[in-house]
N, C-alpha and C. Protein backbone atom coordinates (compact mmCIF):
# COMPACT_ATOMS: atom_id res chain seq x y z
N UNK A 1 0.81 -1.20 0.00
CA UNK A 1 0.00 0.00 0.00
C UNK A 1 0.85 1.26 0.00
N UNK A 2 1.93 1.19 0.77
CA UNK A 2 2.82 2.35 0.84
C UNK A 2 3.47 2.61 -0.52
N UNK A 3 3.82 1.54 -1.25
CA UNK A 3 4.41 1.65 -2.57
C UNK A 3 3.46 2.36 -3.52
N UNK A 4 2.20 2.02 -3.47
CA UNK A 4 1.18 2.61 -4.33
C UNK A 4 1.02 4.10 -4.01
N UNK A 5 1.10 4.43 -2.73
CA UNK A 5 0.96 5.82 -2.30
C UNK A 5 2.17 6.64 -2.76
N UNK A 6 3.39 6.03 -2.71
CA UNK A 6 4.59 6.71 -3.18
C UNK A 6 4.50 6.99 -4.68
N UNK A 7 3.94 6.03 -5.44
CA UNK A 7 3.78 6.22 -6.87
C UNK A 7 2.86 7.39 -7.17
N UNK A 8 1.76 7.49 -6.42
CA UNK A 8 0.82 8.61 -6.61
C UNK A 8 1.48 9.94 -6.27
N UNK A 9 2.28 9.93 -5.21
CA UNK A 9 2.96 11.16 -4.79
C UNK A 9 3.96 11.59 -5.88
N UNK A 10 4.73 10.61 -6.39
CA UNK A 10 5.69 10.92 -7.45
C UNK A 10 4.99 11.45 -8.69
N UNK A 11 3.85 10.87 -9.02
CA UNK A 11 3.10 11.33 -10.19
C UNK A 11 2.63 12.76 -9.99
N UNK A 12 2.10 13.05 -8.83
CA UNK A 12 1.57 14.39 -8.56
C UNK A 12 2.71 15.41 -8.56
N UNK A 13 3.86 15.07 -7.96
CA UNK A 13 5.00 15.99 -7.94
C UNK A 13 5.50 16.21 -9.38
N UNK A 14 5.64 15.14 -10.15
CA UNK A 14 6.08 15.26 -11.54
C UNK A 14 5.12 16.10 -12.37
N UNK A 15 3.83 15.89 -12.16
CA UNK A 15 2.82 16.65 -12.88
C UNK A 15 2.93 18.14 -12.53
N UNK A 16 3.12 18.43 -11.24
CA UNK A 16 3.22 19.83 -10.79
C UNK A 16 4.47 20.50 -11.37
N UNK A 17 5.59 19.77 -11.37
CA UNK A 17 6.82 20.33 -11.91
C UNK A 17 6.66 20.59 -13.40
N UNK A 18 6.08 19.65 -14.12
CA UNK A 18 5.85 19.82 -15.56
C UNK A 18 4.93 20.99 -15.84
N UNK A 19 3.87 21.12 -15.04
CA UNK A 19 2.93 22.23 -15.21
C UNK A 19 3.63 23.57 -14.96
N UNK A 20 4.45 23.62 -13.91
CA UNK A 20 5.18 24.86 -13.60
C UNK A 20 6.17 25.19 -14.71
N UNK A 21 6.88 24.17 -15.22
CA UNK A 21 7.85 24.41 -16.29
C UNK A 21 7.14 24.90 -17.54
N UNK A 22 6.03 24.29 -17.88
CA UNK A 22 5.26 24.73 -19.06
C UNK A 22 4.75 26.14 -18.89
N UNK A 23 4.27 26.46 -17.70
CA UNK A 23 3.76 27.80 -17.41
C UNK A 23 4.90 28.82 -17.57
N UNK A 24 6.07 28.50 -16.98
CA UNK A 24 7.20 29.43 -17.05
C UNK A 24 7.69 29.58 -18.49
N UNK A 25 7.80 28.45 -19.25
CA UNK A 25 8.28 28.53 -20.62
C UNK A 25 7.34 29.31 -21.52
N UNK A 26 6.08 29.44 -21.11
CA UNK A 26 5.11 30.21 -21.90
C UNK A 26 5.07 31.68 -21.50
N UNK A 27 5.74 32.01 -20.40
CA UNK A 27 5.80 33.42 -19.97
C UNK A 27 6.78 34.17 -20.88
N UNK A 28 6.82 35.50 -20.75
CA UNK A 28 7.74 36.31 -21.55
C UNK A 28 9.20 35.92 -21.27
N UNK A 29 9.51 35.72 -20.01
CA UNK A 29 10.87 35.33 -19.63
C UNK A 29 11.20 33.95 -20.21
N UNK A 30 10.26 33.04 -20.16
CA UNK A 30 10.46 31.69 -20.70
C UNK A 30 10.63 31.71 -22.22
N UNK A 31 9.83 32.55 -22.89
CA UNK A 31 9.95 32.68 -24.35
C UNK A 31 11.33 33.23 -24.72
N UNK A 32 11.82 34.21 -23.95
CA UNK A 32 13.15 34.78 -24.20
C UNK A 32 14.22 33.70 -23.97
N UNK A 33 14.04 32.90 -22.92
CA UNK A 33 14.96 31.81 -22.63
C UNK A 33 14.99 30.80 -23.77
N UNK A 34 13.83 30.43 -24.28
CA UNK A 34 13.75 29.46 -25.39
C UNK A 34 14.43 30.02 -26.64
N UNK A 35 14.19 31.29 -26.94
CA UNK A 35 14.80 31.89 -28.13
C UNK A 35 16.32 31.95 -27.98
N UNK A 36 16.78 32.40 -26.79
CA UNK A 36 18.21 32.49 -26.53
C UNK A 36 18.85 31.10 -26.61
N UNK A 37 18.21 30.11 -26.04
CA UNK A 37 18.73 28.73 -26.08
C UNK A 37 18.79 28.22 -27.51
N UNK A 38 17.74 28.51 -28.26
CA UNK A 38 17.70 28.07 -29.65
C UNK A 38 18.82 28.70 -30.46
N UNK A 39 19.05 30.01 -30.24
CA UNK A 39 20.13 30.70 -30.95
C UNK A 39 21.49 30.12 -30.60
N UNK A 40 21.70 29.85 -29.31
CA UNK A 40 22.98 29.29 -28.87
C UNK A 40 23.18 27.89 -29.44
N UNK A 41 22.14 27.10 -29.47
CA UNK A 41 22.24 25.74 -30.03
C UNK A 41 22.55 25.81 -31.51
N UNK A 42 21.91 26.73 -32.23
CA UNK A 42 22.20 26.89 -33.66
C UNK A 42 23.64 27.36 -33.90
N UNK A 43 24.13 28.28 -33.07
CA UNK A 43 25.52 28.75 -33.17
C UNK A 43 26.49 27.59 -32.93
N UNK A 44 26.20 26.82 -31.89
CA UNK A 44 27.05 25.68 -31.56
C UNK A 44 27.07 24.68 -32.72
N UNK A 45 25.91 24.41 -33.29
CA UNK A 45 25.82 23.49 -34.42
C UNK A 45 26.63 23.99 -35.61
N UNK A 46 26.55 25.28 -35.88
CA UNK A 46 27.32 25.85 -36.99
C UNK A 46 28.81 25.76 -36.72
N UNK A 47 29.22 26.03 -35.49
CA UNK A 47 30.63 25.94 -35.12
C UNK A 47 31.14 24.51 -35.29
N UNK A 48 30.37 23.56 -34.80
CA UNK A 48 30.77 22.15 -34.93
C UNK A 48 30.86 21.76 -36.40
N UNK A 49 29.91 22.21 -37.19
CA UNK A 49 29.90 21.90 -38.62
C UNK A 49 31.13 22.49 -39.31
N UNK A 50 31.46 23.74 -38.99
CA UNK A 50 32.65 24.39 -39.58
C UNK A 50 33.92 23.65 -39.20
N UNK A 51 34.02 23.29 -37.93
CA UNK A 51 35.23 22.58 -37.48
C UNK A 51 35.34 21.21 -38.14
N UNK A 52 34.22 20.53 -38.27
CA UNK A 52 34.23 19.22 -38.92
C UNK A 52 34.66 19.35 -40.38
N UNK A 53 34.18 20.38 -41.05
CA UNK A 53 34.56 20.63 -42.44
C UNK A 53 36.06 20.91 -42.54
N UNK A 54 36.59 21.74 -41.64
CA UNK A 54 38.02 22.06 -41.64
C UNK A 54 38.86 20.82 -41.39
N UNK A 55 38.45 20.02 -40.43
CA UNK A 55 39.19 18.79 -40.12
C UNK A 55 39.16 17.87 -41.32
N UNK A 56 38.02 17.76 -41.96
CA UNK A 56 37.89 16.90 -43.14
C UNK A 56 38.82 17.37 -44.26
N UNK A 57 38.86 18.67 -44.50
CA UNK A 57 39.72 19.22 -45.55
C UNK A 57 41.19 18.99 -45.23
N UNK A 58 41.58 19.25 -43.98
CA UNK A 58 42.98 19.05 -43.60
C UNK A 58 43.37 17.58 -43.71
N UNK A 59 42.49 16.70 -43.30
CA UNK A 59 42.77 15.27 -43.39
C UNK A 59 42.92 14.85 -44.84
N UNK A 60 42.06 15.36 -45.69
CA UNK A 60 42.13 15.05 -47.12
C UNK A 60 43.44 15.56 -47.72
N UNK A 61 43.84 16.77 -47.36
CA UNK A 61 45.09 17.33 -47.86
C UNK A 61 46.29 16.51 -47.39
N UNK A 62 46.28 16.11 -46.12
CA UNK A 62 47.38 15.31 -45.59
C UNK A 62 47.43 13.95 -46.27
N UNK A 63 46.28 13.37 -46.51
CA UNK A 63 46.23 12.08 -47.19
C UNK A 63 46.80 12.21 -48.60
N UNK A 64 46.44 13.27 -49.30
CA UNK A 64 46.96 13.50 -50.65
C UNK A 64 48.48 13.65 -50.62
N UNK A 65 49.00 14.39 -49.65
CA UNK A 65 50.45 14.58 -49.52
C UNK A 65 51.15 13.24 -49.29
N UNK A 66 50.63 12.47 -48.36
CA UNK A 66 51.24 11.17 -48.07
C UNK A 66 51.15 10.26 -49.28
N UNK A 67 50.02 10.29 -49.96
CA UNK A 67 49.84 9.46 -51.15
C UNK A 67 50.86 9.81 -52.22
N UNK A 68 51.09 11.09 -52.43
CA UNK A 68 52.08 11.53 -53.42
C UNK A 68 53.48 11.09 -53.01
N UNK A 69 53.80 11.20 -51.72
CA UNK A 69 55.12 10.79 -51.25
C UNK A 69 55.33 9.29 -51.44
N UNK A 70 54.30 8.51 -51.15
CA UNK A 70 54.40 7.06 -51.32
C UNK A 70 54.59 6.71 -52.79
N UNK A 71 53.83 7.35 -53.66
CA UNK A 71 53.97 7.08 -55.10
C UNK A 71 55.36 7.45 -55.58
N UNK A 72 55.88 8.57 -55.10
CA UNK A 72 57.22 9.00 -55.49
C UNK A 72 58.27 7.99 -55.00
N UNK A 73 58.12 7.55 -53.77
CA UNK A 73 59.07 6.57 -53.22
C UNK A 73 59.01 5.26 -53.99
N UNK A 74 57.81 4.83 -54.34
CA UNK A 74 57.67 3.60 -55.13
C UNK A 74 58.33 3.75 -56.50
N UNK A 75 58.16 4.90 -57.13
CA UNK A 75 58.78 5.14 -58.44
C UNK A 75 60.30 5.13 -58.30
N UNK A 76 60.83 5.76 -57.27
CA UNK A 76 62.28 5.76 -57.05
C UNK A 76 62.78 4.34 -56.82
N UNK A 77 62.05 3.57 -56.03
CA UNK A 77 62.44 2.18 -55.78
C UNK A 77 62.41 1.35 -57.04
N UNK A 78 61.39 1.57 -57.86
CA UNK A 78 61.27 0.86 -59.14
C UNK A 78 62.44 1.21 -60.05
N UNK A 79 62.80 2.50 -60.11
CA UNK A 79 63.94 2.93 -60.93
C UNK A 79 65.25 2.33 -60.41
N UNK A 80 65.41 2.32 -59.10
CA UNK A 80 66.62 1.74 -58.52
C UNK A 80 66.72 0.26 -58.87
N UNK A 81 65.59 -0.47 -58.71
CA UNK A 81 65.60 -1.90 -59.02
C UNK A 81 65.90 -2.15 -60.49
N UNK A 82 65.31 -1.34 -61.37
CA UNK A 82 65.56 -1.49 -62.81
C UNK A 82 67.03 -1.24 -63.13
N UNK A 83 67.60 -0.18 -62.56
CA UNK A 83 69.01 0.12 -62.78
C UNK A 83 69.90 -1.01 -62.24
N UNK A 84 69.56 -1.52 -61.08
CA UNK A 84 70.33 -2.60 -60.48
C UNK A 84 70.32 -3.84 -61.37
N UNK A 85 69.13 -4.21 -61.85
CA UNK A 85 69.00 -5.38 -62.71
C UNK A 85 69.79 -5.18 -64.01
N UNK A 86 69.67 -4.01 -64.60
CA UNK A 86 70.41 -3.73 -65.85
C UNK A 86 71.92 -3.80 -65.62
N UNK A 87 72.40 -3.25 -64.50
CA UNK A 87 73.84 -3.33 -64.19
C UNK A 87 74.28 -4.77 -63.99
N UNK A 88 73.47 -5.56 -63.34
CA UNK A 88 73.80 -6.97 -63.13
C UNK A 88 73.85 -7.72 -64.47
N UNK A 89 72.92 -7.40 -65.35
CA UNK A 89 72.92 -8.03 -66.68
C UNK A 89 74.23 -7.70 -67.41
N UNK A 90 74.64 -6.43 -67.34
CA UNK A 90 75.88 -6.02 -68.00
C UNK A 90 77.07 -6.77 -67.42
N UNK A 91 77.12 -6.89 -66.09
CA UNK A 91 78.23 -7.59 -65.44
C UNK A 91 78.25 -9.06 -65.84
N UNK A 92 77.06 -9.68 -65.92
CA UNK A 92 77.01 -11.09 -66.32
C UNK A 92 77.49 -11.23 -67.75
N UNK A 93 77.08 -10.33 -68.64
CA UNK A 93 77.53 -10.38 -70.03
C UNK A 93 79.05 -10.21 -70.10
N UNK A 94 79.56 -9.23 -69.32
CA UNK A 94 81.00 -8.98 -69.34
C UNK A 94 81.76 -10.18 -68.77
N UNK A 95 81.23 -10.79 -67.72
CA UNK A 95 81.87 -11.97 -67.14
C UNK A 95 81.87 -13.11 -68.14
N UNK A 96 80.77 -13.27 -68.85
CA UNK A 96 80.69 -14.31 -69.88
C UNK A 96 81.71 -14.07 -70.97
N UNK A 97 81.90 -12.82 -71.38
CA UNK A 97 82.89 -12.50 -72.42
C UNK A 97 84.29 -12.76 -71.90
N UNK A 98 84.55 -12.44 -70.64
CA UNK A 98 85.86 -12.67 -70.04
C UNK A 98 86.17 -14.17 -70.02
N UNK A 99 85.18 -14.96 -69.64
CA UNK A 99 85.37 -16.42 -69.62
C UNK A 99 85.66 -16.92 -71.02
N UNK A 100 84.90 -16.42 -72.01
CA UNK A 100 85.14 -16.83 -73.40
C UNK A 100 86.56 -16.48 -73.83
N UNK A 101 87.05 -15.28 -73.47
CA UNK A 101 88.40 -14.87 -73.83
C UNK A 101 89.45 -15.74 -73.15
N UNK A 102 89.20 -16.08 -71.90
CA UNK A 102 90.15 -16.95 -71.20
C UNK A 102 90.21 -18.33 -71.86
N UNK A 103 89.06 -18.84 -72.23
CA UNK A 103 89.03 -20.15 -72.90
C UNK A 103 89.78 -20.08 -74.23
N UNK A 104 89.57 -19.01 -74.98
CA UNK A 104 90.27 -18.83 -76.26
C UNK A 104 91.77 -18.72 -76.03
N UNK A 105 92.13 -17.99 -74.99
CA UNK A 105 93.56 -17.84 -74.67
C UNK A 105 94.17 -19.17 -74.29
N UNK A 106 93.47 -19.96 -73.52
CA UNK A 106 93.98 -21.28 -73.14
C UNK A 106 94.13 -22.16 -74.36
N UNK A 107 93.17 -22.11 -75.25
CA UNK A 107 93.24 -22.90 -76.47
C UNK A 107 94.43 -22.47 -77.33
N UNK A 108 94.62 -21.16 -77.38
CA UNK A 108 95.74 -20.63 -78.16
C UNK A 108 97.07 -21.08 -77.55
N UNK A 109 97.14 -21.00 -76.20
CA UNK A 109 98.37 -21.42 -75.51
C UNK A 109 98.64 -22.88 -75.72
N UNK A 110 97.63 -23.70 -75.72
CA UNK A 110 97.80 -25.12 -75.94
C UNK A 110 98.27 -25.39 -77.37
N UNK A 111 97.82 -24.57 -78.28
CA UNK A 111 98.18 -24.75 -79.68
C UNK A 111 99.61 -24.36 -79.98
N UNK A 112 100.23 -23.61 -79.13
CA UNK A 112 101.60 -23.16 -79.39
C UNK A 112 102.52 -24.26 -79.12
């Protein structure tokens, strides 16, 4: 029974507080408060939106910079690897020619 009575009391207190808040919000002072609150909320929303846009732009710019640097590094690495392979091919060809000359020289020496 006491639980039921507490529920009724809470309902009546909540109803009274809601009625008082509604009455106050409908007064001139309450209307000014609502307008001021609305303006501040709109300002805050615009500020958050501007900051989010700036962060997005800066992030995009940084991503583009990093992307360009990575592409440049990959191109440099590709060029280095190509040059390395070409130099190795030349050395192998030169070594092959040296071996051929040595074999010819040995054959010539044997023929003397």
